[in-house]
Amino acid sequence: METRIIKIDQMNPDIKKIKIAANIIKKGGLVAFPTETVYGLGANSLNSEAVLKIFKVKNRPADNPLINHIANKEWIYKLAEKVPEEAIMLAETFWPGPLTMIFKKRKIVPDVVTAGLKTTAIRMPKNKIALNLIKYSQCPIAAPSANTSGRPSPTMAEHVIHDICGKIECIIDGGKTNIGVESTVIDLTVHPPLLLRPGGVTYEMLKEFIDIKIHPAAKVMIKFNEKPASPGMKYRHYAPKADLILVEGEIDDMIKKIQDICVENRGKKIGIIATEETKEFYGNNVRIIGSRKDMRTVAVNLFKILRDFDNEGVDLIVSEGFSTKGLGLAVMNRLRKAAKTVIKA
């Protein structure tokens, strides 16, 4: 299949180009498009056959549900059976934005979108290209990240092209995403609501508005030195090709342990994920993910660094751990799911 690549300015999107991609969605095709979090692989949420193509292209497990992306809040009532008052309040506060809410679903939502569950996930992205694509497609768009399942999520069109070009009809190149990790997911079908996946809207931000608990899977609380399974403690996710060792603990202890790991693996090509504060303590092939004082930058750079190391053909990646406060919880969620081994320093 020939994939059409359309470059669009996300700040001032060309509607004529948007309509080309929207027509592909209308006809049951697949379009990869940028959001504020990562690039998504979209199909008409209400077209079961189109949605099935997403699973085939990504090699995504059929029991892994998708998120419905909408451009108009009225679609919540068309897709969700019950919309609690707190959902309306959260939508008014955080939409458009990186917050996904789970509701009891209406029959209009195909089972393939929800992986057979009686619930469905909905969000309104904060990206002009995404919002206009949904608007002119005249339907909600089901979209997971636009990558091969299990690989680091794409934050640039180049990542999408590498993974799935030739397998879908269209890729919209809208530049680099500005959050870098997927949306926060909360379950509003239970009381109190549960945070299932941390993202750009942090637990601390949500606590200001609702009583919410953190599901253990969001923290990926595994035993140290054991292999994690995800998402939902089932599939490994966001993983680079090379084995990733995540080292957690106090900064001085982490530095010493990473140095020891490098000595133990002398002869291998090792890539190290470090911060501005610690870069001087390691040798060659260090990637600076950002400062510990700026987790926004850390989140934006995470998946790109993992993909860069893949392109360099490293044998082993070793990463420092981070605080789980604020956006750090989302960063550690992704690192713990990507890691083959987690070590307590």
Protein backbone atom coordinates (compact mmCIF):
# COMPACT_ATOMS: atom_id res chain seq x y z
CA MET A 1 0.00 0.00 0.00
CA GLU A 2 1.23 3.50 -0.83
CA THR A 3 1.01 5.79 2.18
CA ARG A 4 0.29 9.44 1.49
CA ILE A 5 2.26 11.79 3.77
CA ILE A 6 0.66 15.20 4.28
CA LYS A 7 2.60 17.95 6.06
CA ILE A 8 0.38 20.33 8.02
CA ASP A 9 1.24 23.25 10.31
CA GLN A 10 -0.34 22.36 13.67
CA MET A 11 -0.63 26.03 14.65
CA ASN A 12 -2.39 27.04 11.41
CA PRO A 13 -3.74 23.85 9.80
CA ASP A 14 -4.71 23.86 6.13
CA ILE A 15 -8.34 22.71 6.13
CA LYS A 16 -8.13 21.51 2.51
CA LYS A 17 -5.40 19.09 3.52
CA ILE A 18 -7.33 18.08 6.64
CA LYS A 19 -10.35 17.22 4.47
CA ILE A 20 -8.21 14.88 2.33
CA ALA A 21 -7.38 12.85 5.44
CA ALA A 22 -10.95 13.12 6.77
CA ASN A 23 -12.29 11.59 3.56
CA ILE A 24 -10.00 8.61 4.11
CA ILE A 25 -11.52 8.15 7.58
CA LYS A 26 -15.03 8.43 6.11
CA LYS A 27 -14.24 5.69 3.58
CA GLY A 28 -13.04 3.31 6.29
CA GLY A 29 -9.32 3.94 5.96
CA LEU A 30 -6.61 4.64 8.53
CA VAL A 31 -4.89 7.96 9.19
CA ALA A 32 -1.99 8.61 11.55
CA PHE A 33 -2.23 12.08 13.07
CA PRO A 34 -0.58 14.19 15.78
CA THR A 35 -2.15 14.97 19.13
CA GLU A 36 -0.63 16.93 22.00
CA THR A 37 0.49 13.64 23.60
CA VAL A 38 1.75 11.24 20.90
CA TYR A 39 0.78 10.42 17.33
CA GLY A 40 -2.42 8.38 17.02
CA LEU A 41 -3.54 5.81 14.45
CA GLY A 42 -7.15 6.64 13.71
CA ALA A 43 -10.25 5.03 12.22
CA ASN A 44 -13.97 5.75 12.40
CA SER A 45 -14.94 4.55 15.90
CA LEU A 46 -18.37 3.47 14.66
CA ASN A 47 -17.00 1.33 11.79
CA SER A 48 -16.01 -2.10 13.15
CA GLU A 49 -14.19 -3.16 9.98
CA ALA A 50 -12.12 0.02 9.94
CA VAL A 51 -11.22 -0.35 13.62
CA LEU A 52 -10.15 -3.96 13.08
CA LYS A 53 -7.52 -2.67 10.63
CA ILE A 54 -5.88 -0.77 13.49
CA PHE A 55 -5.30 -4.00 15.40
CA LYS A 56 -3.90 -5.70 12.30
CA VAL A 57 -1.53 -2.85 11.36
CA LYS A 58 -0.20 -2.46 14.92
CA ASN A 59 -0.22 -6.19 15.72
CA ARG A 60 -2.16 -5.08 18.79
CA PRO A 61 -3.74 -7.65 21.14
CA ALA A 62 -7.51 -7.80 20.58
CA ASP A 63 -8.17 -7.48 24.33
CA ASN A 64 -6.51 -4.03 24.49
CA PRO A 65 -9.31 -1.40 24.17
CA LEU A 66 -9.06 1.85 22.21
CA ILE A 67 -9.85 5.48 23.07
CA ASN A 68 -12.59 7.42 21.26
CA HIS A 69 -11.34 10.88 20.27
CA ILE A 70 -14.01 13.56 19.93
CA ALA A 71 -14.08 17.24 18.92
CA ASN A 72 -17.43 18.14 20.46
CA LYS A 73 -18.44 17.48 24.07
CA GLU A 74 -21.93 16.47 22.92
CA TRP A 75 -20.44 13.22 21.65
CA ILE A 76 -19.98 12.10 25.28
CA TYR A 77 -23.75 11.61 25.54
CA LYS A 78 -23.87 9.69 22.25
CA LEU A 79 -21.14 7.27 23.30
CA ALA A 80 -21.62 7.03 27.08
CA GLU A 81 -24.67 5.62 28.83
CA LYS A 82 -24.15 7.49 32.08
CA VAL A 83 -22.27 10.78 32.42
CA PRO A 84 -21.71 11.72 36.07
CA GLU A 85 -21.54 15.37 37.10
CA GLU A 86 -17.86 15.06 37.94
CA ALA A 87 -17.17 14.08 34.31
CA ILE A 88 -18.82 17.26 33.08
CA MET A 89 -16.76 19.30 35.52
CA LEU A 90 -13.52 17.56 34.50
CA ALA A 91 -14.31 18.05 30.81
CA GLU A 92 -14.89 21.76 31.39
CA THR A 93 -11.57 21.97 33.23
CA PHE A 94 -9.22 19.72 31.26
CA TRP A 95 -10.69 19.40 27.73
CA PRO A 96 -9.35 19.82 25.19
CA GLY A 97 -6.38 18.13 26.81
CA PRO A 98 -4.62 14.92 27.81
CA LEU A 99 -7.39 13.43 29.96
CA THR A 100 -9.27 10.26 29.00
CA MET A 101 -12.43 9.31 30.93
CA ILE A 102 -14.01 5.86 31.03
CA PHE A 103 -17.82 5.50 31.06
CA LYS A 104 -20.45 2.80 30.65
CA LYS A 105 -20.85 2.51 26.89
CA ARG A 106 -23.88 2.82 24.64
CA LYS A 107 -24.63 0.17 21.99
CA ILE A 108 -23.47 2.54 19.26
CA VAL A 109 -19.85 1.82 20.28
CA PRO A 110 -18.69 -1.41 18.59
CA ASP A 111 -17.32 -4.17 20.80
CA VAL A 112 -14.04 -4.16 18.86
CA VAL A 113 -13.34 -0.64 20.17
CA THR A 114 -13.90 -1.65 23.79
CA ALA A 115 -12.32 -5.13 23.55
CA GLY A 116 -15.68 -6.56 24.56
CA LEU A 117 -15.92 -4.47 27.73
CA LYS A 118 -19.12 -2.71 28.74
CA THR A 119 -17.16 0.52 29.17
CA THR A 120 -15.63 2.95 26.69
CA ALA A 121 -12.88 5.57 26.90
CA ILE A 122 -13.32 9.11 25.58
CA ARG A 123 -11.09 12.15 25.26
CA MET A 124 -10.86 15.47 23.39
CA PRO A 125 -7.29 16.12 22.17
CA LYS A 126 -5.69 19.57 22.40
CA ASN A 127 -4.27 19.75 18.90
CA LYS A 128 -5.78 21.75 16.04
CA ILE A 129 -4.96 19.12 13.45
CA ALA A 130 -6.57 16.35 15.50
CA LEU A 131 -9.67 18.40 16.34
CA ASN A 132 -10.24 19.41 12.73
CA LEU A 133 -9.64 15.88 11.49
CA ILE A 134 -12.34 14.61 13.85
CA LYS A 135 -14.67 17.49 12.94
CA TYR A 136 -14.45 16.94 9.18
CA SER A 137 -14.54 13.14 9.51
CA GLN A 138 -17.96 13.70 11.15
CA CYS A 139 -17.42 10.83 13.58
CA PRO A 140 -15.46 9.97 16.71
CA ILE A 141 -12.04 8.57 15.88
CA ALA A 142 -10.74 5.45 17.64
CA ALA A 143 -6.99 5.78 18.01
CA PRO A 144 -4.19 4.10 19.93
CA SER A 145 -0.61 5.30 19.44
CA ALA A 146 0.60 5.06 15.82
CA ASN A 147 3.38 2.56 16.37
CA THR A 148 3.97 -1.16 16.21
CA SER A 149 2.42 -2.57 19.38
CA GLY A 150 4.81 -2.71 22.32
CA ARG A 151 7.34 -0.29 20.81
CA PRO A 152 8.07 3.24 22.11
CA SER A 153 5.22 5.56 21.22
CA PRO A 154 5.76 8.00 18.32
CA THR A 155 6.26 11.67 19.11
CA MET A 156 7.32 12.66 15.57
CA ALA A 157 5.99 11.73 12.13
CA GLU A 158 9.35 10.10 11.39
CA HIS A 159 8.63 7.52 14.10
CA VAL A 160 5.27 6.68 12.48
CA ILE A 161 6.85 6.43 9.05
CA HIS A 162 9.47 4.03 10.41
CA ASP A 163 6.88 1.74 12.01
CA ILE A 164 3.85 1.65 9.71
CA CYS A 165 4.47 3.48 6.43
CA GLY A 166 3.14 1.31 3.59
CA LYS A 167 0.50 -0.24 5.85
CA ILE A 168 -1.98 2.66 6.07
CA GLU A 169 -3.48 5.20 3.69
CA CYS A 170 -2.20 8.45 5.20
CA ILE A 171 0.22 9.97 7.72
CA ILE A 172 -0.21 13.60 8.75
CA ASP A 173 3.12 15.19 9.61
CA GLY A 174 2.25 17.85 12.17
CA GLY A 175 5.66 18.18 13.78
CA LYS A 176 6.75 17.14 17.25
CA THR A 177 4.16 16.50 19.97
CA ASN A 178 4.46 18.73 23.03
CA ILE A 179 3.68 16.40 25.95
CA GLY A 180 5.38 13.19 24.86
CA VAL A 181 3.48 10.62 26.93
CA GLU A 182 -0.04 9.35 26.43
CA SER A 183 -3.12 10.82 28.09
CA THR A 184 -4.12 10.27 31.69
CA VAL A 185 -6.86 7.61 31.94
CA ILE A 186 -9.40 7.62 34.78
CA ASP A 187 -12.28 5.22 35.39
CA LEU A 188 -15.50 7.04 36.31
CA THR A 189 -17.61 3.87 36.50
CA VAL A 190 -16.34 3.15 40.02
CA HIS A 191 -16.44 5.12 43.27
CA PRO A 192 -14.14 6.72 44.05
CA PRO A 193 -12.80 7.09 40.48
CA LEU A 194 -9.55 5.30 39.70
CA LEU A 195 -6.49 6.64 37.92
CA LEU A 196 -5.52 3.78 35.60
CA ARG A 197 -2.79 5.43 33.56
CA PRO A 198 -0.90 8.60 34.56
CA GLY A 199 -0.28 11.23 31.91
CA GLY A 200 -0.26 14.97 31.23
CA VAL A 201 -3.06 15.66 33.70
CA THR A 202 -1.43 14.64 36.97
CA TYR A 203 -2.92 12.94 40.01
CA GLU A 204 -2.26 16.10 42.00
CA MET A 205 -4.21 18.18 39.47
CA LEU A 206 -7.17 15.80 39.57
CA LYS A 207 -7.19 15.73 43.38
CA GLU A 208 -8.00 19.43 43.37
CA PHE A 209 -11.37 18.62 41.79
CA ILE A 210 -12.39 15.06 42.71
CA ASP A 211 -11.69 12.31 45.22
CA ILE A 212 -9.60 9.87 43.19
CA LYS A 213 -7.47 6.82 43.96
CA ILE A 214 -4.47 5.45 42.07
CA HIS A 215 -4.81 1.93 40.70
CA PRO A 216 -1.73 -0.21 41.51
CA ALA A 217 -1.23 -0.83 37.76
CA ALA A 218 -0.64 2.91 37.26
CA LYS A 219 2.43 2.68 39.46
CA VAL A 220 3.48 -0.63 37.88
CA MET A 221 4.42 -1.83 41.32
CA ILE A 222 6.53 -4.85 40.52
CA LYS A 223 9.09 -6.62 42.64
CA PHE A 224 12.59 -5.30 42.11
CA ASN A 225 14.78 -7.39 39.80
CA GLU A 226 11.70 -9.00 38.22
CA LYS A 227 10.34 -8.47 34.72
CA PRO A 228 7.24 -6.23 34.55
CA ALA A 229 4.15 -7.13 32.50
CA SER A 230 1.87 -4.44 31.11
CA PRO A 231 -0.37 -2.62 30.25
CA GLY A 232 -2.76 -3.47 33.03
CA MET A 233 -0.03 -5.83 34.28
CA LYS A 234 -0.48 -7.95 31.15
CA TYR A 235 1.74 -6.74 28.28
CA ARG A 236 5.20 -5.23 28.15
CA HIS A 237 4.86 -1.84 26.53
CA TYR A 238 6.89 1.12 25.17
CA ALA A 239 9.88 -1.21 24.92
CA PRO A 240 13.01 -0.49 22.86
CA LYS A 241 14.71 -3.30 20.95
CA ALA A 242 17.61 -3.40 23.40
CA ASP A 243 17.09 -4.60 26.96
CA LEU A 244 16.32 -1.69 29.27
CA ILE A 245 17.49 -1.70 32.88
CA LEU A 246 15.81 0.88 35.11
CA VAL A 247 17.70 1.84 38.25
CA GLU A 248 15.70 3.44 41.07
CA GLY A 249 16.80 4.94 44.38
CA GLU A 250 18.63 7.95 45.76
CA ILE A 251 20.68 9.84 43.17
CA ASP A 252 24.12 8.92 44.54
CA ASP A 253 23.11 5.26 44.81
CA MET A 254 21.70 5.25 41.28
CA ILE A 255 24.89 6.74 39.85
CA LYS A 256 27.05 4.13 41.57
CA LYS A 257 24.80 1.26 40.45
CA ILE A 258 24.72 2.44 36.84
CA GLN A 259 28.51 2.74 36.86
CA ASP A 260 28.72 -0.83 38.18
CA ILE A 261 26.33 -2.09 35.47
CA CYS A 262 28.51 -0.48 32.81
CA VAL A 263 31.60 -2.23 34.22
CA GLU A 264 29.76 -5.58 34.39
CA ASN A 265 28.70 -5.21 30.74
CA ARG A 266 32.05 -4.01 29.39
CA GLY A 267 32.27 -4.97 25.73
CA LYS A 268 28.62 -4.23 25.02
CA LYS A 269 27.40 -1.06 23.36
CA ILE A 270 25.55 0.68 26.21
CA GLY A 271 23.27 3.69 26.06
CA ILE A 272 22.67 5.65 29.28
CA ILE A 273 19.67 7.88 29.99
CA ALA A 274 20.87 10.56 32.38
CA THR A 275 19.86 14.04 33.52
CA GLU A 276 21.53 17.44 33.42
CA GLU A 277 22.40 16.93 37.08
CA THR A 278 24.18 13.59 36.57
CA LYS A 279 25.59 13.56 33.03
CA GLU A 280 29.17 14.13 34.18
CA PHE A 281 29.29 10.84 36.10
CA TYR A 282 29.04 8.55 33.07
CA GLY A 283 31.23 7.80 30.10
CA ASN A 284 30.29 7.68 26.44
CA ASN A 285 26.91 7.43 24.73
CA VAL A 286 24.94 9.35 27.34
CA ARG A 287 21.63 10.93 26.33
CA ILE A 288 20.46 13.88 28.42
CA ILE A 289 16.72 13.50 28.94
CA GLY A 290 16.39 16.84 30.75
CA SER A 291 16.62 18.28 34.22
CA ARG A 292 15.07 16.69 37.29
CA LYS A 293 13.55 20.11 37.94
CA ASP A 294 11.67 20.00 34.61
CA MET A 295 9.71 16.78 34.21
CA ARG A 296 7.84 18.23 31.21
CA THR A 297 11.05 18.12 29.20
CA VAL A 298 11.86 14.64 30.51
CA ALA A 299 8.44 13.38 29.35
CA VAL A 300 8.79 14.99 25.92
CA ASN A 301 12.22 13.41 25.34
CA LEU A 302 11.60 9.91 26.73
CA PHE A 303 10.28 7.98 23.73
CA LYS A 304 12.53 9.79 21.25
CA ILE A 305 15.61 8.79 23.23
CA LEU A 306 14.53 5.14 23.34
CA ARG A 307 14.03 5.20 19.56
CA ASP A 308 17.36 6.98 19.01
CA PHE A 309 19.15 4.24 20.91
CA ASP A 310 17.35 1.66 18.76
CA ASN A 311 18.62 3.42 15.64
CA GLU A 312 22.15 3.34 17.03
CA GLY A 313 21.91 -0.40 17.61
CA VAL A 314 22.89 -0.38 21.29
CA ASP A 315 22.97 -3.72 23.12
CA LEU A 316 21.77 -2.37 26.47
CA ILE A 317 20.02 0.75 27.75
CA VAL A 318 20.38 1.83 31.37
CA SER A 319 18.14 4.57 32.73
CA GLU A 320 18.00 6.53 35.94
CA GLY A 321 14.71 6.57 37.82
CA PHE A 322 12.68 9.63 38.82
CA SER A 323 10.39 10.86 41.55
CA THR A 324 6.77 9.75 41.11
CA LYS A 325 5.40 13.16 42.06
CA GLY A 326 3.49 15.15 39.43
CA LEU A 327 4.38 14.21 35.86
CA GLY A 328 7.09 11.95 37.25
CA LEU A 329 4.46 9.27 37.86
CA ALA A 330 3.70 9.15 34.13
CA VAL A 331 7.40 9.00 33.23
CA MET A 332 8.05 6.17 35.70
CA ASN A 333 4.93 4.32 34.52
CA ARG A 334 6.37 4.26 30.99
CA LEU A 335 9.90 3.37 32.07
CA ARG A 336 8.74 0.56 34.34
CA LYS A 337 6.60 -0.92 31.58
CA ALA A 338 9.43 -0.63 29.05
CA ALA A 339 12.08 -2.12 31.33
CA LYS A 340 13.17 -5.71 31.20
CA THR A 341 14.66 -5.34 34.65
CA VAL A 342 14.07 -2.86 37.48
CA ILE A 343 16.81 -2.55 40.09
CA LYS A 344 16.65 -0.88 43.49
CA ALA A 345 19.97 0.86 44.07
